[in-house]
Protein backbone atom coordinates (compact mmCIF):
# COMPACT_ATOMS: atom_id res chain seq x y z
CA UNK A 1 0.04 0.09 0.01
CA UNK A 2 1.07 3.47 -0.99
CA UNK A 3 1.25 6.28 1.83
CA UNK A 4 -1.57 8.97 1.50
CA UNK A 5 -0.25 11.82 -0.70
CA UNK A 6 -0.34 15.34 1.19
CA UNK A 7 -2.37 18.01 -0.79
CA UNK A 8 -0.17 20.34 -2.67
CA UNK A 9 -0.51 24.30 -1.97
CA UNK A 10 -1.28 26.63 -4.72
CA UNK A 11 2.29 27.91 -4.74
CA UNK A 12 3.57 24.49 -5.20
CA UNK A 13 1.10 23.68 -7.95
CA UNK A 14 2.03 26.86 -9.66
CA UNK A 15 5.69 26.11 -9.61
CA UNK A 16 5.39 22.65 -10.94
CA UNK A 17 3.05 24.21 -13.86
CA UNK A 18 5.95 26.92 -14.32
CA UNK A 19 8.65 24.14 -14.49
CA UNK A 20 6.84 21.99 -16.90
CA UNK A 21 6.42 24.95 -19.02
CA UNK A 22 9.86 25.97 -19.04
CA UNK A 23 10.86 22.43 -19.82
CA UNK A 24 8.66 22.25 -22.74
CA UNK A 25 10.07 25.67 -23.97
CA UNK A 26 13.66 24.16 -23.76
CA UNK A 27 12.69 21.37 -25.62
CA UNK A 28 11.26 23.50 -28.38
CA UNK A 29 7.62 22.54 -27.85
CA UNK A 30 6.55 26.09 -27.56
CA UNK A 31 4.35 28.34 -29.83
CA UNK A 32 6.31 31.62 -30.42
CA UNK A 33 3.14 33.59 -31.24
CA UNK A 34 2.41 36.96 -29.74
CA UNK A 35 -0.88 38.87 -30.07
CA UNK A 36 -1.89 42.24 -29.22
CA UNK A 37 -5.34 42.93 -27.88
CA UNK A 38 -7.61 45.99 -28.60
CA UNK A 39 -6.34 47.68 -25.27
CA UNK A 40 -2.70 47.38 -26.06
CA UNK A 41 -3.24 48.95 -29.57
CA UNK A 42 -5.38 51.93 -28.07
CA UNK A 43 -2.82 52.35 -25.47
CA UNK A 44 0.05 52.46 -28.26
CA UNK A 45 -1.87 55.12 -30.45
CA UNK A 46 -2.84 57.33 -27.22
CA UNK A 47 0.78 57.25 -25.91
CA UNK A 48 2.62 57.70 -28.97
CA UNK A 49 5.80 57.66 -29.12
CA UNK A 50 5.80 55.97 -25.97
CA UNK A 51 3.12 53.77 -27.21
CA UNK A 52 5.79 52.15 -29.72
CA UNK A 53 7.20 50.67 -26.70
CA UNK A 54 4.01 49.30 -25.43
CA UNK A 55 3.67 47.31 -28.59
């Protein structure tokens, strides 16, 4: 019989997720796609020329 597993805290679950995500990225299994939402586009227009940095 296996011993009962302890429940993981939210921080432990998050850390495991982050580590798994970084491992996939290191193996080249990631999607290098960036999208800009409407808020980012409006912010870029309003804050021009600082808006170029926001993009």
